[in-house]
Amino acid sequence: MMKDEYREQIRELREHHIGRLLLQAQRSFNGEAIRKLRERGYAGLGSSHVAILPHVDLEGTRISTLAERAGMSKQAAGQIVDDLERQGLVTRTPDPVDRRASLIAFTAAGWAYLDAAHAVKQELEAEYRDLLGDDGFDGLKSALSRLIDHQLPS
Protein backbone atom coordinates (compact mmCIF):
# COMPACT_ATOMS: atom_id res chain seq x y z
CA MET A 1 0.00 0.00 0.00
CA MET A 2 1.30 3.47 -0.84
CA LYS A 3 2.32 5.76 1.97
CA ASP A 4 -0.41 8.36 1.25
CA GLU A 5 -3.11 5.69 1.07
CA TYR A 6 -1.92 4.20 4.35
CA ARG A 7 -1.95 7.63 6.05
CA GLU A 8 -5.48 8.28 4.78
CA GLN A 9 -6.65 4.86 6.00
CA ILE A 10 -5.18 5.53 9.46
CA ARG A 11 -6.72 9.01 9.51
CA GLU A 12 -10.13 7.54 8.64
CA LEU A 13 -9.84 4.84 11.32
CA ARG A 14 -8.83 7.41 13.96
CA GLU A 15 -11.65 9.82 13.18
CA HIS A 16 -14.58 7.46 12.73
CA HIS A 17 -14.26 4.74 15.35
CA ILE A 18 -17.01 4.33 17.95
CA GLY A 19 -14.92 5.75 20.80
CA ARG A 20 -14.33 9.01 18.95
CA LEU A 21 -17.98 9.25 17.92
CA LEU A 22 -19.13 8.71 21.52
CA LEU A 23 -16.66 11.35 22.74
CA GLN A 24 -17.80 13.85 20.12
CA ALA A 25 -21.46 13.18 20.93
CA GLN A 26 -20.77 13.70 24.64
CA ARG A 27 -18.89 16.94 23.98
CA SER A 28 -21.70 18.16 21.73
CA PHE A 29 -24.31 17.35 24.36
CA ASN A 30 -22.30 19.06 27.12
CA GLY A 31 -21.58 22.10 24.96
CA GLU A 32 -25.24 22.56 24.13
CA ALA A 33 -26.22 21.99 27.77
CA ILE A 34 -23.74 24.66 28.91
CA ARG A 35 -25.06 27.09 26.30
CA LYS A 36 -28.65 26.53 27.46
CA LEU A 37 -27.67 26.82 31.13
CA ARG A 38 -25.87 30.09 30.44
CA GLU A 39 -29.06 31.38 28.80
CA ARG A 40 -30.81 30.58 32.10
CA GLY A 41 -28.36 32.71 34.06
CA TYR A 42 -25.57 30.26 34.85
CA ALA A 43 -22.95 32.34 33.05
CA GLY A 44 -20.06 31.04 35.13
CA LEU A 45 -20.46 27.41 34.13
CA GLY A 46 -18.01 25.69 31.83
CA SER A 47 -16.96 22.20 30.84
CA SER A 48 -14.91 21.66 34.01
CA HIS A 49 -17.99 22.39 36.11
CA VAL A 50 -20.16 19.93 34.21
CA ALA A 51 -17.42 17.34 34.74
CA ILE A 52 -17.98 17.62 38.53
CA LEU A 53 -21.60 18.63 39.13
CA PRO A 54 -23.23 15.34 38.01
CA HIS A 55 -21.10 13.50 40.57
CA VAL A 56 -22.25 15.46 43.61
CA ASP A 57 -24.63 13.20 45.52
CA LEU A 58 -27.76 14.85 46.87
CA GLU A 59 -26.63 14.15 50.44
CA GLY A 60 -23.07 15.38 49.77
CA THR A 61 -19.86 13.89 48.43
CA ARG A 62 -16.18 14.03 49.42
CA ILE A 63 -13.80 15.76 47.03
CA SER A 64 -11.73 12.58 46.71
CA THR A 65 -14.85 10.74 45.51
CA LEU A 66 -15.74 13.56 43.09
CA ALA A 67 -12.22 13.46 41.69
CA GLU A 68 -12.34 9.70 41.21
CA ARG A 69 -15.77 9.78 39.56
CA ALA A 70 -14.76 12.64 37.24
CA GLY A 71 -11.38 11.07 36.41
CA MET A 72 -9.26 13.96 37.66
CA SER A 73 -6.85 14.74 40.46
CA LYS A 74 -8.08 15.79 43.91
CA GLN A 75 -6.35 19.14 43.36
CA ALA A 76 -8.21 19.78 40.12
CA ALA A 77 -11.52 18.73 41.66
CA GLY A 78 -10.80 20.99 44.64
CA GLN A 79 -10.20 23.98 42.36
CA ILE A 80 -13.46 23.37 40.53
CA VAL A 81 -15.33 22.98 43.82
CA ASP A 82 -13.76 26.26 45.00
CA ASP A 83 -15.18 27.97 41.93
CA LEU A 84 -18.60 26.34 42.34
CA GLU A 85 -18.56 27.48 45.96
CA ARG A 86 -17.78 31.07 44.83
CA GLN A 87 -20.74 30.83 42.46
CA GLY A 88 -22.91 29.77 45.38
CA LEU A 89 -23.88 26.37 43.96
CA VAL A 90 -22.17 24.15 46.54
CA THR A 91 -20.92 24.39 50.08
CA ARG A 92 -18.43 22.45 52.18
CA THR A 93 -19.47 20.93 55.48
CA PRO A 94 -17.49 18.67 57.80
CA ASP A 95 -17.96 14.99 57.03
CA PRO A 96 -19.69 13.49 60.08
CA VAL A 97 -17.83 10.21 59.54
CA ASP A 98 -14.35 11.79 59.23
CA ARG A 99 -14.07 15.34 60.55
CA ARG A 100 -10.82 15.84 58.62
CA ALA A 101 -12.74 15.55 55.36
CA SER A 102 -15.39 17.82 53.88
CA LEU A 103 -18.62 16.96 52.16
CA ILE A 104 -19.56 18.96 49.09
CA ALA A 105 -23.30 19.56 48.99
CA PHE A 106 -25.71 21.67 46.98
CA THR A 107 -26.87 25.00 48.36
CA ALA A 108 -30.37 26.34 47.73
CA ALA A 109 -28.96 27.94 44.56
CA GLY A 110 -27.44 24.57 43.70
CA TRP A 111 -30.85 22.92 43.96
CA ALA A 112 -32.24 25.60 41.63
CA TYR A 113 -29.37 24.74 39.25
CA LEU A 114 -30.43 21.06 39.41
CA ASP A 115 -33.94 22.06 38.34
CA ALA A 116 -32.53 24.10 35.43
CA ALA A 117 -30.18 21.27 34.45
CA HIS A 118 -33.06 18.80 34.45
CA ALA A 119 -35.09 21.09 32.18
CA VAL A 120 -32.11 21.43 29.83
CA LYS A 121 -31.66 17.65 29.67
CA GLN A 122 -35.34 17.25 28.82
CA GLU A 123 -35.02 19.87 26.06
CA LEU A 124 -31.96 18.17 24.59
CA GLU A 125 -33.59 14.77 24.71
CA ALA A 126 -36.67 16.18 22.96
CA GLU A 127 -34.40 17.64 20.25
CA TYR A 128 -32.65 14.28 19.85
CA ARG A 129 -36.01 12.50 19.70
CA ASP A 130 -37.17 14.92 16.97
CA LEU A 131 -33.96 14.28 15.04
CA LEU A 132 -33.88 10.48 15.41
CA GLY A 133 -37.59 9.68 15.75
CA ASP A 134 -39.05 7.72 18.64
CA ASP A 135 -37.64 4.36 17.56
CA GLY A 136 -34.19 5.78 16.82
CA PHE A 137 -33.98 7.67 20.10
CA ASP A 138 -35.23 4.74 22.18
CA GLY A 139 -32.86 2.45 20.30
CA LEU A 140 -29.92 4.78 20.96
CA LYS A 141 -30.66 4.89 24.69
CA SER A 142 -31.06 1.13 24.80
CA ALA A 143 -27.84 0.51 22.85
CA LEU A 144 -25.85 2.92 25.04
CA SER A 145 -27.22 1.28 28.18
CA ARG A 146 -26.24 -2.16 26.87
CA LEU A 147 -22.73 -0.94 26.06
CA ILE A 148 -22.35 0.56 29.54
CA ASP A 149 -23.66 -2.60 31.21
CA HIS A 150 -21.30 -4.70 29.09
CA GLN A 151 -18.30 -2.62 30.21
CA LEU A 152 -19.08 -2.72 33.93
CA PRO A 153 -16.86 -5.09 35.90
CA SER A 154 -18.65 -8.13 37.27
C-alpha atoms as a PDB file:
ATOM      1  CA  MET A   1       0.000   0.000   0.000  1.00  0.00           C
ATOM      2  CA  MET A   2       1.299   3.467  -0.835  1.00  0.00           C
ATOM      3  CA  LYS A   3       2.317   5.760   1.972  1.00  0.00           C
ATOM      4  CA  ASP A   4      -0.408   8.359   1.248  1.00  0.00           C
ATOM      5  CA  GLU A   5      -3.114   5.689   1.066  1.00  0.00           C
ATOM      6  CA  TYR A   6      -1.921   4.204   4.354  1.00  0.00           C
ATOM      7  CA  ARG A   7      -1.950   7.631   6.048  1.00  0.00           C
ATOM      8  CA  GLU A   8      -5.485   8.279   4.782  1.00  0.00           C
ATOM      9  CA  GLN A   9      -6.648   4.864   5.998  1.00  0.00           C
ATOM     10  CA  ILE A  10      -5.184   5.526   9.463  1.00  0.00           C
ATOM     11  CA  ARG A  11      -6.723   9.015   9.508  1.00  0.00           C
ATOM     12  CA  GLU A  12     -10.129   7.540   8.644  1.00  0.00           C
ATOM     13  CA  LEU A  13      -9.837   4.838  11.319  1.00  0.00           C
ATOM     14  CA  ARG A  14      -8.826   7.407  13.961  1.00  0.00           C
ATOM     15  CA  GLU A  15     -11.646   9.822  13.185  1.00  0.00           C
ATOM     16  CA  HIS A  16     -14.578   7.455  12.730  1.00  0.00           C
ATOM     17  CA  HIS A  17     -14.260   4.739  15.349  1.00  0.00           C
ATOM     18  CA  ILE A  18     -17.009   4.326  17.948  1.00  0.00           C
ATOM     19  CA  GLY A  19     -14.923   5.754  20.801  1.00  0.00           C
ATOM     20  CA  ARG A  20     -14.327   9.008  18.951  1.00  0.00           C
ATOM     21  CA  LEU A  21     -17.984   9.245  17.920  1.00  0.00           C
ATOM     22  CA  LEU A  22     -19.127   8.706  21.520  1.00  0.00           C
ATOM     23  CA  LEU A  23     -16.664  11.347  22.743  1.00  0.00           C
ATOM     24  CA  GLN A  24     -17.796  13.850  20.117  1.00  0.00           C
ATOM     25  CA  ALA A  25     -21.462  13.178  20.929  1.00  0.00           C
ATOM     26  CA  GLN A  26     -20.773  13.702  24.644  1.00  0.00           C
ATOM     27  CA  ARG A  27     -18.888  16.943  23.978  1.00  0.00           C
ATOM     28  CA  SER A  28     -21.697  18.156  21.728  1.00  0.00           C
ATOM     29  CA  PHE A  29     -24.312  17.350  24.364  1.00  0.00           C
ATOM     30  CA  ASN A  30     -22.298  19.057  27.121  1.00  0.00           C
ATOM     31  CA  GLY A  31     -21.584  22.102  24.961  1.00  0.00           C
ATOM     32  CA  GLU A  32     -25.242  22.557  24.130  1.00  0.00           C
ATOM     33  CA  ALA A  33     -26.222  21.994  27.775  1.00  0.00           C
ATOM     34  CA  ILE A  34     -23.739  24.657  28.907  1.00  0.00           C
ATOM     35  CA  ARG A  35     -25.064  27.088  26.303  1.00  0.00           C
ATOM     36  CA  LYS A  36     -28.648  26.528  27.457  1.00  0.00           C
ATOM     37  CA  LEU A  37     -27.668  26.824  31.130  1.00  0.00           C
ATOM     38  CA  ARG A  38     -25.874  30.091  30.436  1.00  0.00           C
ATOM     39  CA  GLU A  39     -29.064  31.382  28.803  1.00  0.00           C
ATOM     40  CA  ARG A  40     -30.806  30.580  32.098  1.00  0.00           C
ATOM     41  CA  GLY A  41     -28.357  32.707  34.058  1.00  0.00           C
ATOM     42  CA  TYR A  42     -25.569  30.259  34.848  1.00  0.00           C
ATOM     43  CA  ALA A  43     -22.954  32.344  33.055  1.00  0.00           C
ATOM     44  CA  GLY A  44     -20.059  31.038  35.130  1.00  0.00           C
ATOM     45  CA  LEU A  45     -20.455  27.405  34.135  1.00  0.00           C
ATOM     46  CA  GLY A  46     -18.006  25.692  31.826  1.00  0.00           C
ATOM     47  CA  SER A  47     -16.965  22.203  30.838  1.00  0.00           C
ATOM     48  CA  SER A  48     -14.913  21.665  34.006  1.00  0.00           C
ATOM     49  CA  HIS A  49     -17.986  22.392  36.114  1.00  0.00           C
ATOM     50  CA  VAL A  50     -20.159  19.935  34.209  1.00  0.00           C
ATOM     51  CA  ALA A  51     -17.423  17.345  34.743  1.00  0.00           C
ATOM     52  CA  ILE A  52     -17.975  17.621  38.525  1.00  0.00           C
ATOM     53  CA  LEU A  53     -21.602  18.628  39.130  1.00  0.00           C
ATOM     54  CA  PRO A  54     -23.226  15.343  38.012  1.00  0.00           C
ATOM     55  CA  HIS A  55     -21.099  13.500  40.572  1.00  0.00           C
ATOM     56  CA  VAL A  56     -22.246  15.460  43.614  1.00  0.00           C
ATOM     57  CA  ASP A  57     -24.633  13.198  45.518  1.00  0.00           C
ATOM     58  CA  LEU A  58     -27.764  14.852  46.868  1.00  0.00           C
ATOM     59  CA  GLU A  59     -26.633  14.154  50.438  1.00  0.00           C
ATOM     60  CA  GLY A  60     -23.071  15.385  49.768  1.00  0.00           C
ATOM     61  CA  THR A  61     -19.858  13.889  48.426  1.00  0.00           C
ATOM     62  CA  ARG A  62     -16.180  14.027  49.423  1.00  0.00           C
ATOM     63  CA  ILE A  63     -13.805  15.757  47.029  1.00  0.00           C
ATOM     64  CA  SER A  64     -11.732  12.580  46.708  1.00  0.00           C
ATOM     65  CA  THR A  65     -14.851  10.742  45.512  1.00  0.00           C
ATOM     66  CA  LEU A  66     -15.739  13.558  43.095  1.00  0.00           C
ATOM     67  CA  ALA A  67     -12.220  13.456  41.688  1.00  0.00           C
ATOM     68  CA  GLU A  68     -12.341   9.698  41.214  1.00  0.00           C
ATOM     69  CA  ARG A  69     -15.771   9.785  39.561  1.00  0.00           C
ATOM     70  CA  ALA A  70     -14.756  12.639  37.243  1.00  0.00           C
ATOM     71  CA  GLY A  71     -11.380  11.070  36.405  1.00  0.00           C
ATOM     72  CA  MET A  72      -9.257  13.961  37.659  1.00  0.00           C
ATOM     73  CA  SER A  73      -6.849  14.739  40.461  1.00  0.00           C
ATOM     74  CA  LYS A  74      -8.077  15.795  43.912  1.00  0.00           C
ATOM     75  CA  GLN A  75      -6.352  19.136  43.364  1.00  0.00           C
ATOM     76  CA  ALA A  76      -8.211  19.779  40.116  1.00  0.00           C
ATOM     77  CA  ALA A  77     -11.523  18.731  41.659  1.00  0.00           C
ATOM     78  CA  GLY A  78     -10.804  20.986  44.638  1.00  0.00           C
ATOM     79  CA  GLN A  79     -10.203  23.977  42.362  1.00  0.00           C
ATOM     80  CA  ILE A  80     -13.456  23.366  40.527  1.00  0.00           C
ATOM     81  CA  VAL A  81     -15.327  22.977  43.817  1.00  0.00           C
ATOM     82  CA  ASP A  82     -13.757  26.260  44.999  1.00  0.00           C
ATOM     83  CA  ASP A  83     -15.183  27.968  41.932  1.00  0.00           C
ATOM     84  CA  LEU A  84     -18.600  26.336  42.340  1.00  0.00           C
ATOM     85  CA  GLU A  85     -18.558  27.484  45.956  1.00  0.00           C
ATOM     86  CA  ARG A  86     -17.779  31.074  44.830  1.00  0.00           C
ATOM     87  CA  GLN A  87     -20.736  30.835  42.459  1.00  0.00           C
ATOM     88  CA  GLY A  88     -22.914  29.766  45.378  1.00  0.00           C
ATOM     89  CA  LEU A  89     -23.881  26.370  43.962  1.00  0.00           C
ATOM     90  CA  VAL A  90     -22.167  24.151  46.542  1.00  0.00           C
ATOM     91  CA  THR A  91     -20.925  24.392  50.083  1.00  0.00           C
ATOM     92  CA  ARG A  92     -18.435  22.448  52.175  1.00  0.00           C
ATOM     93  CA  THR A  93     -19.469  20.933  55.481  1.00  0.00           C
ATOM     94  CA  PRO A  94     -17.491  18.669  57.799  1.00  0.00           C
ATOM     95  CA  ASP A  95     -17.956  14.990  57.033  1.00  0.00           C
ATOM     96  CA  PRO A  96     -19.692  13.486  60.083  1.00  0.00           C
ATOM     97  CA  VAL A  97     -17.827  10.207  59.538  1.00  0.00           C
ATOM     98  CA  ASP A  98     -14.354  11.785  59.235  1.00  0.00           C
ATOM     99  CA  ARG A  99     -14.073  15.341  60.547  1.00  0.00           C
ATOM    100  CA  ARG A 100     -10.823  15.845  58.622  1.00  0.00           C
ATOM    101  CA  ALA A 101     -12.742  15.547  55.357  1.00  0.00           C
ATOM    102  CA  SER A 102     -15.391  17.817  53.877  1.00  0.00           C
ATOM    103  CA  LEU A 103     -18.620  16.962  52.163  1.00  0.00           C
ATOM    104  CA  ILE A 104     -19.555  18.960  49.094  1.00  0.00           C
ATOM    105  CA  ALA A 105     -23.299  19.562  48.990  1.00  0.00           C
ATOM    106  CA  PHE A 106     -25.706  21.669  46.979  1.00  0.00           C
ATOM    107  CA  THR A 107     -26.870  25.004  48.361  1.00  0.00           C
ATOM    108  CA  ALA A 108     -30.373  26.342  47.728  1.00  0.00           C
ATOM    109  CA  ALA A 109     -28.964  27.943  44.562  1.00  0.00           C
ATOM    110  CA  GLY A 110     -27.443  24.571  43.695  1.00  0.00           C
ATOM    111  CA  TRP A 111     -30.848  22.920  43.964  1.00  0.00           C
ATOM    112  CA  ALA A 112     -32.242  25.598  41.628  1.00  0.00           C
ATOM    113  CA  TYR A 113     -29.371  24.736  39.252  1.00  0.00           C
ATOM    114  CA  LEU A 114     -30.426  21.062  39.411  1.00  0.00           C
ATOM    115  CA  ASP A 115     -33.936  22.063  38.339  1.00  0.00           C
ATOM    116  CA  ALA A 116     -32.530  24.101  35.430  1.00  0.00           C
ATOM    117  CA  ALA A 117     -30.176  21.272  34.445  1.00  0.00           C
ATOM    118  CA  HIS A 118     -33.062  18.804  34.453  1.00  0.00           C
ATOM    119  CA  ALA A 119     -35.094  21.095  32.180  1.00  0.00           C
ATOM    120  CA  VAL A 120     -32.114  21.427  29.829  1.00  0.00           C
ATOM    121  CA  LYS A 121     -31.661  17.647  29.674  1.00  0.00           C
ATOM    122  CA  GLN A 122     -35.337  17.254  28.824  1.00  0.00           C
ATOM    123  CA  GLU A 123     -35.025  19.870  26.055  1.00  0.00           C
ATOM    124  CA  LEU A 124     -31.961  18.173  24.589  1.00  0.00           C
ATOM    125  CA  GLU A 125     -33.588  14.767  24.705  1.00  0.00           C
ATOM    126  CA  ALA A 126     -36.668  16.183  22.957  1.00  0.00           C
ATOM    127  CA  GLU A 127     -34.399  17.639  20.251  1.00  0.00           C
ATOM    128  CA  TYR A 128     -32.651  14.277  19.851  1.00  0.00           C
ATOM    129  CA  ARG A 129     -36.012  12.505  19.700  1.00  0.00           C
ATOM    130  CA  ASP A 130     -37.167  14.920  16.969  1.00  0.00           C
ATOM    131  CA  LEU A 131     -33.958  14.280  15.037  1.00  0.00           C
ATOM    132  CA  LEU A 132     -33.878  10.482  15.408  1.00  0.00           C
ATOM    133  CA  GLY A 133     -37.586   9.675  15.751  1.00  0.00           C
ATOM    134  CA  ASP A 134     -39.050   7.721  18.642  1.00  0.00           C
ATOM    135  CA  ASP A 135     -37.642   4.362  17.562  1.00  0.00           C
ATOM    136  CA  GLY A 136     -34.193   5.783  16.817  1.00  0.00           C
ATOM    137  CA  PHE A 137     -33.980   7.675  20.096  1.00  0.00           C
ATOM    138  CA  ASP A 138     -35.228   4.737  22.179  1.00  0.00           C
ATOM    139  CA  GLY A 139     -32.857   2.451  20.299  1.00  0.00           C
ATOM    140  CA  LEU A 140     -29.924   4.784  20.957  1.00  0.00           C
ATOM    141  CA  LYS A 141     -30.661   4.893  24.687  1.00  0.00           C
ATOM    142  CA  SER A 142     -31.057   1.130  24.797  1.00  0.00           C
ATOM    143  CA  ALA A 143     -27.840   0.510  22.853  1.00  0.00           C
ATOM    144  CA  LEU A 144     -25.851   2.919  25.036  1.00  0.00           C
ATOM    145  CA  SER A 145     -27.218   1.275  28.179  1.00  0.00           C
ATOM    146  CA  ARG A 146     -26.236  -2.156  26.871  1.00  0.00           C
ATOM    147  CA  LEU A 147     -22.729  -0.936  26.064  1.00  0.00           C
ATOM    148  CA  ILE A 148     -22.349   0.560  29.540  1.00  0.00           C
ATOM    149  CA  ASP A 149     -23.661  -2.603  31.212  1.00  0.00           C
ATOM    150  CA  HIS A 150     -21.295  -4.697  29.091  1.00  0.00           C
ATOM    151  CA  GLN A 151     -18.296  -2.620  30.214  1.00  0.00           C
ATOM    152  CA  LEU A 152     -19.085  -2.715  33.929  1.00  0.00           C
ATOM    153  CA  PRO A 153     -16.862  -5.090  35.902  1.00  0.00           C
ATOM    154  CA  SER A 154     -18.652  -8.134  37.271  1.00  0.00           C
END
